[in-house]
Amino acid sequence: MTIETTILDFQLNNTFKQYESHMNAQEQQSIFKEMGVKTFYIGKSLDDPQRATVIFQGPENV
């Protein structure tokens, strides 16, 4: 199995706090675990509070 690391930098439609809560929710974490995805970093831009960066790793094409 090939593992890939993905870095996403994107504009949020809601607040960072709402996004972070969603990503860290037990249900979402269960989905990630089932898919074999591990989140390494969830952060917001210091210059733009509507911008976020996420780094995760998992099986290729997941």
PDB file of N, CA and C in Angstrom:
ATOM      1  N   MET A   1       0.850  -1.172   0.000  1.00  0.00           N
ATOM      2  CA  MET A   1       0.000   0.000   0.000  1.00  0.00           C
ATOM      3  C   MET A   1       0.900   1.242   0.000  1.00  0.00           C
ATOM      4  N   THR A   2       0.583   2.188  -0.870  1.00  0.00           N
ATOM      5  CA  THR A   2       1.318   3.435  -0.953  1.00  0.00           C
ATOM      6  C   THR A   2       0.654   4.477  -0.050  1.00  0.00           C
ATOM      7  N   ILE A   3       1.476   5.152   0.740  1.00  0.00           N
ATOM      8  CA  ILE A   3       0.987   6.207   1.633  1.00  0.00           C
ATOM      9  C   ILE A   3       1.352   7.552   1.019  1.00  0.00           C
ATOM     10  N   GLU A   4       0.412   8.502   1.065  1.00  0.00           N
ATOM     11  CA  GLU A   4       0.711   9.830   0.570  1.00  0.00           C
ATOM     12  C   GLU A   4       0.384  10.881   1.632  1.00  0.00           C
ATOM     13  N   THR A   5       1.122  11.968   1.595  1.00  0.00           N
ATOM     14  CA  THR A   5       0.883  13.102   2.475  1.00  0.00           C
ATOM     15  C   THR A   5       0.265  14.213   1.640  1.00  0.00           C
ATOM     16  N   THR A   6      -0.805  14.808   2.157  1.00  0.00           N
ATOM     17  CA  THR A   6      -1.520  15.856   1.446  1.00  0.00           C
ATOM     18  C   THR A   6      -1.535  17.123   2.285  1.00  0.00           C
ATOM     19  N   ILE A   7      -1.278  18.249   1.643  1.00  0.00           N
ATOM     20  CA  ILE A   7      -1.346  19.555   2.292  1.00  0.00           C
ATOM     21  C   ILE A   7      -2.420  20.356   1.565  1.00  0.00           C
ATOM     22  N   LEU A   8      -3.423  20.785   2.303  1.00  0.00           N
ATOM     23  CA  LEU A   8      -4.501  21.594   1.741  1.00  0.00           C
ATOM     24  C   LEU A   8      -4.459  22.979   2.361  1.00  0.00           C
ATOM     25  N   ASP A   9      -4.520  24.004   1.537  1.00  0.00           N
ATOM     26  CA  ASP A   9      -4.614  25.379   1.984  1.00  0.00           C
ATOM     27  C   ASP A   9      -5.842  25.955   1.299  1.00  0.00           C
ATOM     28  N   PHE A  10      -6.830  26.405   2.058  1.00  0.00           N
ATOM     29  CA  PHE A  10      -8.104  26.758   1.459  1.00  0.00           C
ATOM     30  C   PHE A  10      -8.838  27.836   2.233  1.00  0.00           C
ATOM     31  N   GLN A  11      -9.838  28.406   1.571  1.00  0.00           N
ATOM     32  CA  GLN A  11     -10.706  29.424   2.159  1.00  0.00           C
ATOM     33  C   GLN A  11     -11.868  28.727   2.860  1.00  0.00           C
ATOM     34  N   LEU A  12     -12.202  29.178   4.062  1.00  0.00           N
ATOM     35  CA  LEU A  12     -13.302  28.610   4.838  1.00  0.00           C
ATOM     36  C   LEU A  12     -14.616  29.324   4.524  1.00  0.00           C
ATOM     37  N   ASN A  13     -15.711  28.594   4.582  1.00  0.00           N
ATOM     38  CA  ASN A  13     -17.045  29.187   4.463  1.00  0.00           C
ATOM     39  C   ASN A  13     -17.624  29.505   5.834  1.00  0.00           C
ATOM     40  N   ASN A  14     -17.052  28.910   6.870  1.00  0.00           N
ATOM     41  CA  ASN A  14     -17.499  29.160   8.240  1.00  0.00           C
ATOM     42  C   ASN A  14     -16.286  29.639   9.043  1.00  0.00           C
ATOM     43  N   THR A  15     -16.404  29.710  10.346  1.00  0.00           N
ATOM     44  CA  THR A  15     -15.269  30.148  11.154  1.00  0.00           C
ATOM     45  C   THR A  15     -14.272  29.008  11.316  1.00  0.00           C
ATOM     46  N   PHE A  16     -13.043  29.369  11.628  1.00  0.00           N
ATOM     47  CA  PHE A  16     -12.024  28.347  11.863  1.00  0.00           C
ATOM     48  C   PHE A  16     -12.419  27.476  13.048  1.00  0.00           C
ATOM     49  N   LYS A  17     -12.938  28.073  14.085  1.00  0.00           N
ATOM     50  CA  LYS A  17     -13.345  27.311  15.277  1.00  0.00           C
ATOM     51  C   LYS A  17     -14.393  26.246  14.909  1.00  0.00           C
ATOM     52  N   GLN A  18     -15.361  26.609  14.059  1.00  0.00           N
ATOM     53  CA  GLN A  18     -16.370  25.637  13.626  1.00  0.00           C
ATOM     54  C   GLN A  18     -15.721  24.516  12.815  1.00  0.00           C
ATOM     55  N   TYR A  19     -14.823  24.889  11.918  1.00  0.00           N
ATOM     56  CA  TYR A  19     -14.141  23.888  11.100  1.00  0.00           C
ATOM     57  C   TYR A  19     -13.297  22.949  11.961  1.00  0.00           C
ATOM     58  N   GLU A  20     -12.539  23.523  12.874  1.00  0.00           N
ATOM     59  CA  GLU A  20     -11.693  22.722  13.755  1.00  0.00           C
ATOM     60  C   GLU A  20     -12.536  21.770  14.616  1.00  0.00           C
ATOM     61  N   SER A  21     -13.661  22.265  15.129  1.00  0.00           N
ATOM     62  CA  SER A  21     -14.561  21.413  15.920  1.00  0.00           C
ATOM     63  C   SER A  21     -15.083  20.243  15.100  1.00  0.00           C
ATOM     64  N   HIS A  22     -15.453  20.525  13.844  1.00  0.00           N
ATOM     65  CA  HIS A  22     -15.937  19.470  12.950  1.00  0.00           C
ATOM     66  C   HIS A  22     -14.849  18.418  12.706  1.00  0.00           C
ATOM     67  N   MET A  23     -13.649  18.886  12.397  1.00  0.00           N
ATOM     68  CA  MET A  23     -12.543  17.966  12.096  1.00  0.00           C
ATOM     69  C   MET A  23     -12.150  17.111  13.297  1.00  0.00           C
ATOM     70  N   ASN A  24     -12.269  17.663  14.488  1.00  0.00           N
ATOM     71  CA  ASN A  24     -11.876  16.940  15.702  1.00  0.00           C
ATOM     72  C   ASN A  24     -13.022  16.172  16.352  1.00  0.00           C
ATOM     73  N   ALA A  25     -14.228  16.281  15.802  1.00  0.00           N
ATOM     74  CA  ALA A  25     -15.384  15.571  16.358  1.00  0.00           C
ATOM     75  C   ALA A  25     -15.166  14.056  16.291  1.00  0.00           C
ATOM     76  N   GLN A  26     -15.685  13.363  17.261  1.00  0.00           N
ATOM     77  CA  GLN A  26     -15.504  11.910  17.349  1.00  0.00           C
ATOM     78  C   GLN A  26     -15.986  11.202  16.089  1.00  0.00           C
ATOM     79  N   GLU A  27     -17.121  11.629  15.550  1.00  0.00           N
ATOM     80  CA  GLU A  27     -17.660  10.989  14.337  1.00  0.00           C
ATOM     81  C   GLU A  27     -16.696  11.155  13.157  1.00  0.00           C
ATOM     82  N   GLN A  28     -16.162  12.369  12.981  1.00  0.00           N
ATOM     83  CA  GLN A  28     -15.232  12.612  11.886  1.00  0.00           C
ATOM     84  C   GLN A  28     -13.940  11.828  12.090  1.00  0.00           C
ATOM     85  N   GLN A  29     -13.446  11.781  13.312  1.00  0.00           N
ATOM     86  CA  GLN A  29     -12.225  11.035  13.597  1.00  0.00           C
ATOM     87  C   GLN A  29     -12.420   9.538  13.350  1.00  0.00           C
ATOM     88  N   SER A  30     -13.618   9.033  13.626  1.00  0.00           N
ATOM     89  CA  SER A  30     -13.925   7.621  13.341  1.00  0.00           C
ATOM     90  C   SER A  30     -13.879   7.344  11.842  1.00  0.00           C
ATOM     91  N   ILE A  31     -14.398   8.290  11.057  1.00  0.00           N
ATOM     92  CA  ILE A  31     -14.367   8.143   9.595  1.00  0.00           C
ATOM     93  C   ILE A  31     -12.924   8.129   9.108  1.00  0.00           C
ATOM     94  N   PHE A  32     -12.115   9.067   9.609  1.00  0.00           N
ATOM     95  CA  PHE A  32     -10.700   9.110   9.225  1.00  0.00           C
ATOM     96  C   PHE A  32      -9.997   7.808   9.590  1.00  0.00           C
ATOM     97  N   LYS A  33     -10.265   7.306  10.778  1.00  0.00           N
ATOM     98  CA  LYS A  33      -9.626   6.067  11.230  1.00  0.00           C
ATOM     99  C   LYS A  33     -10.004   4.911  10.312  1.00  0.00           C
ATOM    100  N   GLU A  34     -11.278   4.827   9.966  1.00  0.00           N
ATOM    101  CA  GLU A  34     -11.762   3.771   9.067  1.00  0.00           C
ATOM    102  C   GLU A  34     -11.084   3.853   7.689  1.00  0.00           C
ATOM    103  N   MET A  35     -10.813   5.082   7.236  1.00  0.00           N
ATOM    104  CA  MET A  35     -10.177   5.291   5.942  1.00  0.00           C
ATOM    105  C   MET A  35      -8.657   5.151   6.017  1.00  0.00           C
ATOM    106  N   GLY A  36      -8.108   5.101   7.229  1.00  0.00           N
ATOM    107  CA  GLY A  36      -6.664   5.016   7.393  1.00  0.00           C
ATOM    108  C   GLY A  36      -5.964   6.356   7.270  1.00  0.00           C
ATOM    109  N   VAL A  37      -6.695   7.438   7.570  1.00  0.00           N
ATOM    110  CA  VAL A  37      -6.155   8.794   7.445  1.00  0.00           C
ATOM    111  C   VAL A  37      -5.772   9.333   8.822  1.00  0.00           C
ATOM    112  N   LYS A  38      -4.589   9.933   8.887  1.00  0.00           N
ATOM    113  CA  LYS A  38      -4.116  10.549  10.125  1.00  0.00           C
ATOM    114  C   LYS A  38      -3.874  12.029   9.859  1.00  0.00           C
ATOM    115  N   THR A  39      -4.494  12.897  10.661  1.00  0.00           N
ATOM    116  CA  THR A  39      -4.319  14.338  10.532  1.00  0.00           C
ATOM    117  C   THR A  39      -3.132  14.757  11.389  1.00  0.00           C
ATOM    118  N   PHE A  40      -2.194  15.489  10.766  1.00  0.00           N
ATOM    119  CA  PHE A  40      -1.010  15.964  11.480  1.00  0.00           C
ATOM    120  C   PHE A  40      -1.132  17.406  11.930  1.00  0.00           C
ATOM    121  N   TYR A  41      -1.872  18.211  11.171  1.00  0.00           N
ATOM    122  CA  TYR A  41      -1.918  19.634  11.470  1.00  0.00           C
ATOM    123  C   TYR A  41      -3.207  20.237  10.937  1.00  0.00           C
ATOM    124  N   ILE A  42      -3.848  21.055  11.769  1.00  0.00           N
ATOM    125  CA  ILE A  42      -4.989  21.869  11.363  1.00  0.00           C
ATOM    126  C   ILE A  42      -4.693  23.261  11.904  1.00  0.00           C
ATOM    127  N   GLY A  43      -4.499  24.212  11.000  1.00  0.00           N
ATOM    128  CA  GLY A  43      -4.149  25.555  11.449  1.00  0.00           C
ATOM    129  C   GLY A  43      -4.813  26.627  10.620  1.00  0.00           C
ATOM    130  N   LYS A  44      -4.906  27.821  11.222  1.00  0.00           N
ATOM    131  CA  LYS A  44      -5.485  28.948  10.499  1.00  0.00           C
ATOM    132  C   LYS A  44      -4.402  29.947  10.144  1.00  0.00           C
ATOM    133  N   SER A  45      -4.654  30.708   9.113  1.00  0.00           N
ATOM    134  CA  SER A  45      -3.736  31.743   8.670  1.00  0.00           C
ATOM    135  C   SER A  45      -3.683  32.860   9.714  1.00  0.00           C
ATOM    136  N   LEU A  46      -2.497  33.382   9.942  1.00  0.00           N
ATOM    137  CA  LEU A  46      -2.356  34.522  10.849  1.00  0.00           C
ATOM    138  C   LEU A  46      -2.837  35.811  10.185  1.00  0.00           C
ATOM    139  N   ASP A  47      -2.802  35.839   8.848  1.00  0.00           N
ATOM    140  CA  ASP A  47      -3.201  37.029   8.105  1.00  0.00           C
ATOM    141  C   ASP A  47      -4.671  37.042   7.702  1.00  0.00           C
ATOM    142  N   ASP A  48      -5.276  35.870   7.567  1.00  0.00           N
ATOM    143  CA  ASP A  48      -6.654  35.771   7.087  1.00  0.00           C
ATOM    144  C   ASP A  48      -7.394  34.714   7.904  1.00  0.00           C
ATOM    145  N   PRO A  49      -8.260  35.121   8.843  1.00  0.00           N
ATOM    146  CA  PRO A  49      -8.950  34.155   9.706  1.00  0.00           C
ATOM    147  C   PRO A  49      -9.912  33.226   8.964  1.00  0.00           C
ATOM    148  N   GLN A  50     -10.186  33.506   7.690  1.00  0.00           N
ATOM    149  CA  GLN A  50     -11.055  32.642   6.886  1.00  0.00           C
ATOM    150  C   GLN A  50     -10.258  31.645   6.052  1.00  0.00           C
ATOM    151  N   ARG A  51      -8.953  31.534   6.294  1.00  0.00           N
ATOM    152  CA  ARG A  51      -8.089  30.628   5.540  1.00  0.00           C
ATOM    153  C   ARG A  51      -7.516  29.581   6.490  1.00  0.00           C
ATOM    154  N   ALA A  52      -7.484  28.315   6.037  1.00  0.00           N
ATOM    155  CA  ALA A  52      -6.977  27.220   6.873  1.00  0.00           C
ATOM    156  C   ALA A  52      -6.007  26.350   6.087  1.00  0.00           C
ATOM    157  N   THR A  53      -5.164  25.647   6.821  1.00  0.00           N
ATOM    158  CA  THR A  53      -4.241  24.677   6.243  1.00  0.00           C
ATOM    159  C   THR A  53      -4.392  23.377   7.019  1.00  0.00           C
ATOM    160  N   VAL A  54      -4.460  22.276   6.289  1.00  0.00           N
ATOM    161  CA  VAL A  54      -4.563  20.950   6.903  1.00  0.00           C
ATOM    162  C   VAL A  54      -3.513  20.048   6.257  1.00  0.00           C
ATOM    163  N   ILE A  55      -2.823  19.277   7.087  1.00  0.00           N
ATOM    164  CA  ILE A  55      -1.857  18.297   6.594  1.00  0.00           C
ATOM    165  C   ILE A  55      -2.298  16.929   7.109  1.00  0.00           C
ATOM    166  N   PHE A  56      -2.482  15.990   6.192  1.00  0.00           N
ATOM    167  CA  PHE A  56      -2.879  14.637   6.599  1.00  0.00           C
ATOM    168  C   PHE A  56      -2.163  13.608   5.754  1.00  0.00           C
ATOM    169  N   GLN A  57      -2.201  12.372   6.237  1.00  0.00           N
ATOM    170  CA  GLN A  57      -1.526  11.272   5.559  1.00  0.00           C
ATOM    171  C   GLN A  57      -2.442  10.063   5.571  1.00  0.00           C
ATOM    172  N   GLY A  58      -2.424   9.350   4.452  1.00  0.00           N
ATOM    173  CA  GLY A  58      -3.245   8.149   4.353  1.00  0.00           C
ATOM    174  C   GLY A  58      -2.948   7.390   3.079  1.00  0.00           C
ATOM    175  N   PRO A  59      -3.682   6.326   2.847  1.00  0.00           N
ATOM    176  CA  PRO A  59      -3.494   5.529   1.639  1.00  0.00           C
ATOM    177  C   PRO A  59      -3.684   6.398   0.394  1.00  0.00           C
ATOM    178  N   GLU A  60      -2.952   6.080  -0.641  1.00  0.00           N
ATOM    179  CA  GLU A  60      -3.021   6.822  -1.898  1.00  0.00           C
ATOM    180  C   GLU A  60      -4.462   6.859  -2.415  1.00  0.00           C
ATOM    181  N   ASN A  61      -4.862   8.033  -2.906  1.00  0.00           N
ATOM    182  CA  ASN A  61      -6.196   8.271  -3.509  1.00  0.00           C
ATOM    183  C   ASN A  61      -7.350   8.196  -2.547  1.00  0.00           C
ATOM    184  N   VAL A  62      -7.094   8.366  -1.257  1.00  0.00           N
ATOM    185  CA  VAL A  62      -8.205   8.375  -0.292  1.00  0.00           C
ATOM    186  C   VAL A  62      -8.684   9.792  -0.100  1.00  0.00           C
TER     187      VAL A  62
END
